Every structure is written in structure tokens, then in C-alpha cells.
Amino acid sequence: MSQRSILTAFSFVIASLPLAAAPHPCDRACMTALVDQYLAALVKHDPAGLPLARGVRSTENTAEITIGDGLWVGASEAPTTFKIYAVDSATRQVAFYGVMKEWDKPLIIALRLKVIEGQITEIEHVLARNLRPDRMQNLTTPRPGLLADVPASERTSREDMIDAAYLYFESIEQRRGSVAPFAEDCERHENGGQTTHNKTPLPWPVDLGSPEANRSMAILGTLTCKAQVDSQVLSFITRLWPRRLDVVDEQKSSVFAFPMFQHRGGVRRIKILGVPGVDTIPMGGGTSNLQAGEIFKIRGGQIHEIEATGVSLPYGTKSGW
């Protein structure tokens, strides 16, 4: 029998064998339902029923924890009205940004789950507690732009979305707003506080330690995303690394990142450029890292909405991933 005949016969035999059922893919509805199931389990303080893989890894504010510890202990109410999902079928991950309660006090959770063949293999919590009461009105429901689907004809490619989010971090490091593709209407919220495009000066989401600094930052909060970077106000950030652009939701045209902001603490006073009424801002100094969870909504290749949360950690803290 010729080699070709042997291969033909072998192919016939293989084709005749019954096919094994392919693992059922966890689509968008499946992924978002899994997030809801996970959050409900947190509030019940009981992971029973969750499809946890053997050896699942879990971190909370970068520290590795055992399922049942951390937020599992005090979670008292699941997210209700402030909920944003990002599903990335290419990397089999889902991310979530929402407001829930721990010991009956509100917190922001940035959550990431990795799901392989229907089982959760990775869990990441970034939690922001001690939210300002006067900013909770921005944490009732998400901005519509963050929730909306983008028509296929208007979507930015996956690669260009990743580039846009990456360049946001690059613009901060380079201190040049033109580096990032900011839309003119770009609006950033941090822990519920609107930090750009305010019509009138509003307090910054965190107290900066002096009346002078707080007044100046309120004025800087009226600037556009681009102008704020150009003002040099973010120059106290030494480095943004790792940037971790983990979840890219092509249907929503959004990128969910888990970047680490590094503050070496050498900046004692920032010289502000081009902002009438603000010359310099005193800084408290001190070293720290900030683990963040950030969503970038990208339309037409430009960044329109940014929703961010973060927790301050000791300088040198690693991301855990």
C-alpha cells in the first residue's frame, strides 16, 4: 500500500471516531453571571457552589489570601446600582467595578476573575475603603458612557485600545498631555470624586494635608485631562509599573487595567505651569505605592471616560500578579 493510501485510510478511521464534546465556552452572559454569583457568595461568607479550580489564587490589595479571608469576613451587601462589567473572551477574564458594603460601610471593589473551562483560576480584589461621604452621589449609578455598547462599525481595534490606555500612563510619566489620545470631553473620576472638567472647583477625593494644597487641587480639577497632565500636577508620580492592561472588552470598547502607581517621595513642592491662580503645590513627601483599578472608555480611538479606584500601600509593594 502506498504512503498516500495509508494516510487516506488513517484519515478515514480518525474521521469515523466519535468526537469528544468541546468545553462549553463561558460567554458574556456566563461571565457576568459568574461575577454576580461570586459577589453573592462573598456576602454569604460561603464559597460553596462556586466553580473554583484546584489551586485557585486569590489576592486582596496585592496580598495573597485564602478564600474565606479578607473581604469574605465582613462583606455585608452586594453591589446594587453601581456596577460595571468588562468581559474579555480572548484572555478568558472578566473584570468588575462596583460599590458594595463591608460591615455596612460602602467600599469600591475592582474585581478580576480568570475563568478556564468554566472554573475560576484567579481572583483579584482591589478595595477602596474610607470613601468621602460628599462624593457618594457619583457612586450611585455609573456614567452612561461606561455602560454603553459601541456599534461594531465604530469600535476601536483591540490593539489600538491597549495602546490608548498604555499611552495614558506614558503621558503621566512623561508629563505631557499630548502623548495620550485624550478626547476633549475626557472626564476622570477617582474613588467617586470627579477630578477633571469640574464646572467649579471641588475638593479633591483625598485630603492633601494643607489648605493651600487642597485649594490648588480644587482649581486644577477644573482642567481637561490633557491640560491637567501638562500642568505638571501629576509629577509626584515617579513611575507607573506594572501597568497590567488585563481586560479588553471589545463590545464595550473599554480597557480595564490594574496599574501600580509608584511614589518615591522626593517631590516636596510642584511647580504648576499655565494655571492662573496656582503657582506651586506643597507636597507632604513620604513614599508610597498605590494599587489601582481603572476603566478606560475609548471611542473613535480617544479616551472619553476614566473611572478609577485605588488603595495606598507601602512603597515597593508588588502587585501580586
Protein backbone atom coordinates (compact mmCIF):
# COMPACT_ATOMS: atom_id res chain seq x y z
CA MET A 1 0.00 0.00 0.00
CA SER A 2 1.36 3.44 -0.90
CA GLN A 3 2.07 6.08 1.74
CA ARG A 4 -0.75 8.20 0.33
CA SER A 5 -3.18 5.25 0.63
CA ILE A 6 -2.12 4.65 4.23
CA LEU A 7 -2.70 8.31 5.13
CA THR A 8 -6.09 8.27 3.42
CA ALA A 9 -7.14 5.15 5.31
CA PHE A 10 -5.87 6.61 8.59
CA SER A 11 -7.79 9.84 7.99
CA PHE A 12 -10.96 7.83 7.32
CA VAL A 13 -10.60 5.97 10.61
CA ILE A 14 -10.00 9.19 12.56
CA ALA A 15 -12.99 10.86 10.90
CA SER A 16 -15.16 7.89 11.87
CA LEU A 17 -14.34 8.15 15.59
CA PRO A 18 -16.89 9.90 17.84
CA LEU A 19 -15.89 13.47 18.68
CA ALA A 20 -15.34 14.45 22.31
CA ALA A 21 -17.58 17.26 23.41
CA ALA A 22 -15.72 20.58 23.39
CA PRO A 23 -15.75 22.51 26.68
CA HIS A 24 -18.66 24.94 26.72
CA PRO A 25 -17.22 28.45 26.39
CA CYS A 26 -18.18 30.95 29.09
CA ASP A 27 -19.64 33.80 27.02
CA ARG A 28 -20.52 37.33 28.16
CA ALA A 29 -23.73 36.30 29.90
CA CYS A 30 -21.93 33.42 31.59
CA MET A 31 -19.04 35.64 32.72
CA THR A 32 -21.24 38.38 34.18
CA ALA A 33 -23.44 35.80 35.91
CA LEU A 34 -20.31 34.27 37.41
CA VAL A 35 -19.31 37.68 38.81
CA ASP A 36 -22.77 38.07 40.36
CA GLN A 37 -22.55 34.56 41.82
CA TYR A 38 -19.12 35.35 43.26
CA LEU A 39 -20.29 38.62 44.86
CA ALA A 40 -23.33 36.90 46.35
CA ALA A 41 -21.06 34.24 47.82
CA LEU A 42 -18.90 36.96 49.40
CA VAL A 43 -21.92 38.40 51.20
CA LYS A 44 -22.99 34.93 52.38
CA HIS A 45 -19.39 34.36 53.59
CA ASP A 46 -19.55 30.98 51.92
CA PRO A 47 -17.75 29.93 48.70
CA ALA A 48 -19.72 26.66 48.47
CA GLY A 49 -21.16 26.31 44.99
CA LEU A 50 -18.58 28.50 43.28
CA PRO A 51 -16.70 26.73 40.46
CA LEU A 52 -13.28 27.19 41.98
CA ALA A 53 -10.38 25.44 40.30
CA ARG A 54 -7.97 23.39 42.35
CA GLY A 55 -5.13 25.71 43.29
CA VAL A 56 -7.08 28.92 42.61
CA ARG A 57 -5.02 32.02 43.52
CA SER A 58 -6.63 34.97 45.30
CA THR A 59 -5.23 38.37 46.25
CA GLU A 60 -6.67 41.38 48.05
CA ASN A 61 -4.93 44.74 47.76
CA THR A 62 -1.94 42.76 46.38
CA ALA A 63 -1.63 40.33 49.34
CA GLU A 64 -2.31 36.66 48.68
CA ILE A 65 -5.22 35.47 50.81
CA THR A 66 -7.11 32.26 51.44
CA ILE A 67 -10.67 32.02 50.15
CA GLY A 68 -12.75 32.93 53.18
CA ASP A 69 -10.41 35.65 54.48
CA GLY A 70 -10.26 39.37 53.69
CA LEU A 71 -13.50 40.76 52.27
CA TRP A 72 -15.10 37.35 52.78
CA VAL A 73 -15.24 38.10 56.52
CA GLY A 74 -17.07 41.44 56.53
CA ALA A 75 -18.93 41.72 53.21
CA SER A 76 -22.47 42.76 54.13
CA GLU A 77 -24.17 43.89 50.91
CA ALA A 78 -23.56 43.06 47.27
CA PRO A 79 -23.38 45.82 44.65
CA THR A 80 -26.83 47.11 43.72
CA THR A 81 -26.91 50.04 41.28
CA PHE A 82 -23.26 50.93 40.63
CA LYS A 83 -21.97 48.04 38.53
CA ILE A 84 -19.64 47.97 35.53
CA TYR A 85 -18.58 44.74 33.83
CA ALA A 86 -15.78 44.15 31.31
CA VAL A 87 -15.56 40.79 29.52
CA ASP A 88 -12.50 39.67 27.57
CA SER A 89 -13.12 36.40 25.75
CA ALA A 90 -9.62 36.41 24.28
CA THR A 91 -7.95 36.18 27.69
CA ARG A 92 -10.89 34.39 29.39
CA GLN A 93 -11.17 37.10 32.01
CA VAL A 94 -13.92 39.28 33.43
CA ALA A 95 -13.46 42.44 35.46
CA PHE A 96 -15.97 44.30 37.60
CA TYR A 97 -16.09 47.74 39.20
CA GLY A 98 -18.80 48.39 41.75
CA VAL A 99 -19.88 49.71 45.10
CA MET A 100 -20.75 47.25 47.86
CA LYS A 101 -20.69 47.23 51.66
CA GLU A 102 -18.39 45.76 54.28
CA TRP A 103 -19.66 45.87 57.87
CA ASP A 104 -22.45 48.10 56.43
CA LYS A 105 -19.96 50.71 55.19
CA PRO A 106 -19.57 51.39 51.44
CA LEU A 107 -16.43 50.47 49.56
CA ILE A 108 -15.38 50.30 45.93
CA ILE A 109 -14.33 46.91 44.61
CA ALA A 110 -12.31 46.39 41.45
CA LEU A 111 -12.55 42.66 40.82
CA ARG A 112 -10.87 40.38 38.28
CA LEU A 113 -11.67 36.72 37.66
CA LYS A 114 -9.93 34.40 35.26
CA VAL A 115 -12.13 31.54 34.06
CA ILE A 116 -10.79 28.46 32.29
CA GLU A 117 -13.21 25.76 31.17
CA GLY A 118 -15.87 27.12 33.49
CA GLN A 119 -13.64 27.22 36.57
CA ILE A 120 -12.26 30.28 38.38
CA THR A 121 -8.47 30.04 38.45
CA GLU A 122 -7.57 33.60 39.53
CA ILE A 123 -9.29 36.12 41.82
CA GLU A 124 -8.11 39.68 42.42
CA HIS A 125 -9.69 42.25 44.73
CA VAL A 126 -8.66 45.92 44.84
CA LEU A 127 -10.66 47.59 47.60
CA ALA A 128 -11.01 51.29 48.39
CA ARG A 129 -12.46 52.00 51.81
CA ASN A 130 -12.98 55.32 53.67
CA LEU A 131 -14.85 56.92 50.79
CA ARG A 132 -15.74 60.61 51.08
CA PRO A 133 -19.45 60.97 52.01
CA ASP A 134 -19.71 64.08 49.81
CA ARG A 135 -18.71 62.05 46.73
CA MET A 136 -21.15 59.17 47.12
CA GLN A 137 -23.59 60.86 44.73
CA ASN A 138 -21.16 59.93 41.92
CA LEU A 139 -21.23 56.31 43.05
CA THR A 140 -24.98 55.75 42.79
CA THR A 141 -25.06 54.76 39.11
CA PRO A 142 -22.25 54.62 36.53
CA ARG A 143 -21.96 57.21 33.80
CA PRO A 144 -23.93 56.01 30.74
CA GLY A 145 -20.87 56.09 28.52
CA LEU A 146 -19.16 53.45 30.63
CA LEU A 147 -22.06 51.03 30.18
CA ALA A 148 -22.94 51.54 26.53
CA ASP A 149 -22.14 49.06 23.79
CA VAL A 150 -20.25 50.56 20.87
CA PRO A 151 -21.54 49.62 17.38
CA ALA A 152 -19.15 47.31 15.56
CA SER A 153 -18.59 49.90 12.83
CA GLU A 154 -17.41 52.46 15.41
CA ARG A 155 -15.20 50.26 17.58
CA THR A 156 -11.50 50.84 18.05
CA SER A 157 -9.37 47.78 17.39
CA ARG A 158 -8.17 45.75 20.34
CA GLU A 159 -4.57 46.73 19.71
CA ASP A 160 -5.39 50.44 19.46
CA MET A 161 -7.42 50.33 22.68
CA ILE A 162 -4.46 48.79 24.50
CA ASP A 163 -2.19 51.44 23.01
CA ALA A 164 -4.53 54.25 24.11
CA ALA A 165 -4.62 53.06 27.72
CA TYR A 166 -0.87 52.45 27.73
CA LEU A 167 -0.25 55.98 26.44
CA TYR A 168 -2.35 57.39 29.27
CA PHE A 169 0.18 56.03 31.74
CA GLU A 170 3.02 57.10 29.47
CA SER A 171 1.71 60.67 29.37
CA ILE A 172 1.80 60.83 33.17
CA GLU A 173 5.38 59.55 33.30
CA GLN A 174 6.48 61.93 30.52
CA ARG A 175 4.37 64.79 31.98
CA ARG A 176 2.99 65.62 28.53
CA GLY A 177 -0.74 65.51 27.87
CA SER A 178 -0.25 65.27 24.11
CA VAL A 179 1.21 61.77 24.48
CA ALA A 180 -2.22 60.25 25.24
CA PRO A 181 -5.25 60.32 22.91
CA PHE A 182 -7.47 62.35 25.25
CA ALA A 183 -10.86 63.38 23.94
CA GLU A 184 -11.79 66.98 24.67
CA ASP A 185 -14.63 65.75 26.91
CA CYS A 186 -12.43 63.25 28.79
CA GLU A 187 -13.67 63.05 32.37
CA ARG A 188 -11.85 61.19 35.13
CA HIS A 189 -13.40 60.05 38.40
CA GLU A 190 -11.28 58.75 41.29
CA ASN A 191 -12.94 56.95 44.21
CA GLY A 192 -16.14 58.73 43.23
CA GLY A 193 -14.64 62.21 43.02
CA GLN A 194 -14.66 64.00 39.66
CA THR A 195 -11.08 65.16 39.15
CA THR A 196 -11.26 66.80 35.71
CA HIS A 197 -13.73 69.05 33.88
CA ASN A 198 -15.45 70.29 37.04
CA LYS A 199 -17.52 73.39 36.28
CA THR A 200 -16.45 74.92 39.58
CA PRO A 201 -13.58 73.97 41.94
CA LEU A 202 -14.45 70.95 44.11
CA PRO A 203 -12.42 69.27 46.87
CA TRP A 204 -10.02 66.56 45.71
CA PRO A 205 -11.03 62.97 46.61
CA VAL A 206 -8.33 62.86 49.30
CA ASP A 207 -7.09 65.48 51.74
CA LEU A 208 -3.63 66.66 50.68
CA GLY A 209 -2.66 67.84 54.14
CA SER A 210 -2.82 71.63 53.86
CA PRO A 211 -5.44 74.28 52.97
CA GLU A 212 -3.11 75.64 50.26
CA ALA A 213 -2.73 72.28 48.54
CA ASN A 214 -6.43 71.47 48.81
CA ARG A 215 -7.43 74.85 47.34
CA SER A 216 -4.98 74.49 44.47
CA MET A 217 -6.06 70.95 43.65
CA ALA A 218 -9.69 72.06 43.54
CA ILE A 219 -8.75 74.60 40.87
CA LEU A 220 -6.74 72.00 38.94
CA GLY A 221 -9.82 69.78 38.95
CA THR A 222 -11.50 72.17 36.53
CA LEU A 223 -8.93 71.40 33.80
CA THR A 224 -9.27 68.93 30.94
CA CYS A 225 -7.46 65.58 31.14
CA LYS A 226 -4.76 66.82 28.76
CA ALA A 227 -4.31 70.23 30.42
CA GLN A 228 -4.07 68.67 33.84
CA VAL A 229 -1.16 66.46 32.79
CA ASP A 230 0.52 69.45 31.14
CA SER A 231 0.19 71.45 34.38
CA GLN A 232 2.74 69.05 35.97
CA VAL A 233 0.43 68.37 38.93
CA LEU A 234 0.96 64.62 38.49
CA SER A 235 4.75 64.88 38.54
CA PHE A 236 4.87 63.46 42.08
CA ILE A 237 4.16 60.07 40.46
CA THR A 238 7.60 58.56 39.93
CA ARG A 239 6.61 55.57 37.83
CA LEU A 240 3.60 53.59 36.68
CA TRP A 241 4.64 49.95 36.65
CA PRO A 242 3.41 47.34 36.17
CA ARG A 243 0.58 48.75 34.08
CA ARG A 244 -1.33 45.50 33.60
CA LEU A 245 -3.85 46.20 30.84
CA ASP A 246 -5.52 42.92 31.68
CA VAL A 247 -9.08 43.01 30.35
CA VAL A 248 -10.08 44.39 26.95
CA ASP A 249 -13.82 44.47 26.29
CA GLU A 250 -14.24 44.87 22.55
CA GLN A 251 -18.04 45.11 22.67
CA LYS A 252 -17.89 47.99 25.16
CA SER A 253 -14.66 49.47 23.72
CA SER A 254 -13.16 49.61 27.18
CA VAL A 255 -9.91 48.58 28.83
CA PHE A 256 -9.75 47.53 32.49
CA ALA A 257 -6.27 47.99 33.93
CA PHE A 258 -4.66 47.22 37.30
CA PRO A 259 -1.68 49.62 37.36
CA MET A 260 0.72 50.27 40.21
CA PHE A 261 1.48 53.95 40.90
CA GLN A 262 4.90 54.38 42.50
CA HIS A 263 5.70 57.47 44.59
CA ARG A 264 9.36 57.71 45.55
CA GLY A 265 8.59 60.68 47.77
CA GLY A 266 11.30 63.06 46.58
CA VAL A 267 8.94 65.81 45.41
CA ARG A 268 8.33 68.39 48.13
CA ARG A 269 6.77 71.13 46.03
CA ILE A 270 5.34 71.02 42.49
CA LYS A 271 5.77 73.96 40.15
CA ILE A 272 2.47 74.31 38.28
CA LEU A 273 2.53 75.51 34.69
CA GLY A 274 -0.13 77.52 32.88
CA VAL A 275 -2.84 77.62 35.57
CA PRO A 276 -3.87 81.13 36.70
CA GLY A 277 -4.12 81.36 40.47
CA VAL A 278 -1.92 78.34 41.14
CA ASP A 279 1.85 78.70 41.23
CA THR A 280 3.10 75.80 43.34
CA ILE A 281 1.60 73.00 45.40
CA PRO A 282 3.27 71.77 48.60
CA MET A 283 3.56 68.00 48.86
CA GLY A 284 3.70 66.06 52.08
CA GLY A 285 6.52 63.88 50.84
CA GLY A 286 6.70 60.31 52.01
CA THR A 287 6.99 57.19 49.91
CA SER A 288 4.08 55.00 48.88
CA ASN A 289 2.61 52.85 46.17
CA LEU A 290 -0.97 52.92 45.02
CA GLN A 291 -2.60 49.81 43.56
CA ALA A 292 -5.35 50.96 41.24
CA GLY A 293 -8.19 49.54 39.24
CA GLU A 294 -9.08 51.72 36.24
CA ILE A 295 -11.53 51.59 33.37
CA PHE A 296 -10.87 53.49 30.15
CA LYS A 297 -13.76 54.00 27.72
CA ILE A 298 -12.35 54.51 24.24
CA ARG A 299 -14.42 55.74 21.30
CA GLY A 300 -13.01 56.80 17.96
CA GLY A 301 -9.56 55.97 19.27
CA GLN A 302 -9.83 58.56 22.06
CA ILE A 303 -10.22 58.26 25.82
CA HIS A 304 -13.58 59.71 26.90
CA GLU A 305 -14.30 58.32 30.38
CA ILE A 306 -11.94 57.14 33.11
CA GLU A 307 -13.24 55.52 36.30
CA ALA A 308 -10.53 54.78 38.85
CA THR A 309 -10.12 53.49 42.36
CA GLY A 310 -7.04 52.76 44.38
CA VAL A 311 -5.55 51.86 47.73
CA SER A 312 -2.37 53.30 49.22
CA LEU A 313 0.29 50.72 50.13
CA PRO A 314 3.90 50.74 51.32
CA TYR A 315 6.50 51.79 48.78
CA GLY A 316 7.92 48.82 46.92
CA THR A 317 4.78 46.69 47.24
CA LYS A 318 4.44 44.24 44.34
CA SER A 319 1.17 43.71 42.51
CA GLY A 320 0.87 40.05 43.45
CA TRP A 321 0.49 39.04 39.80
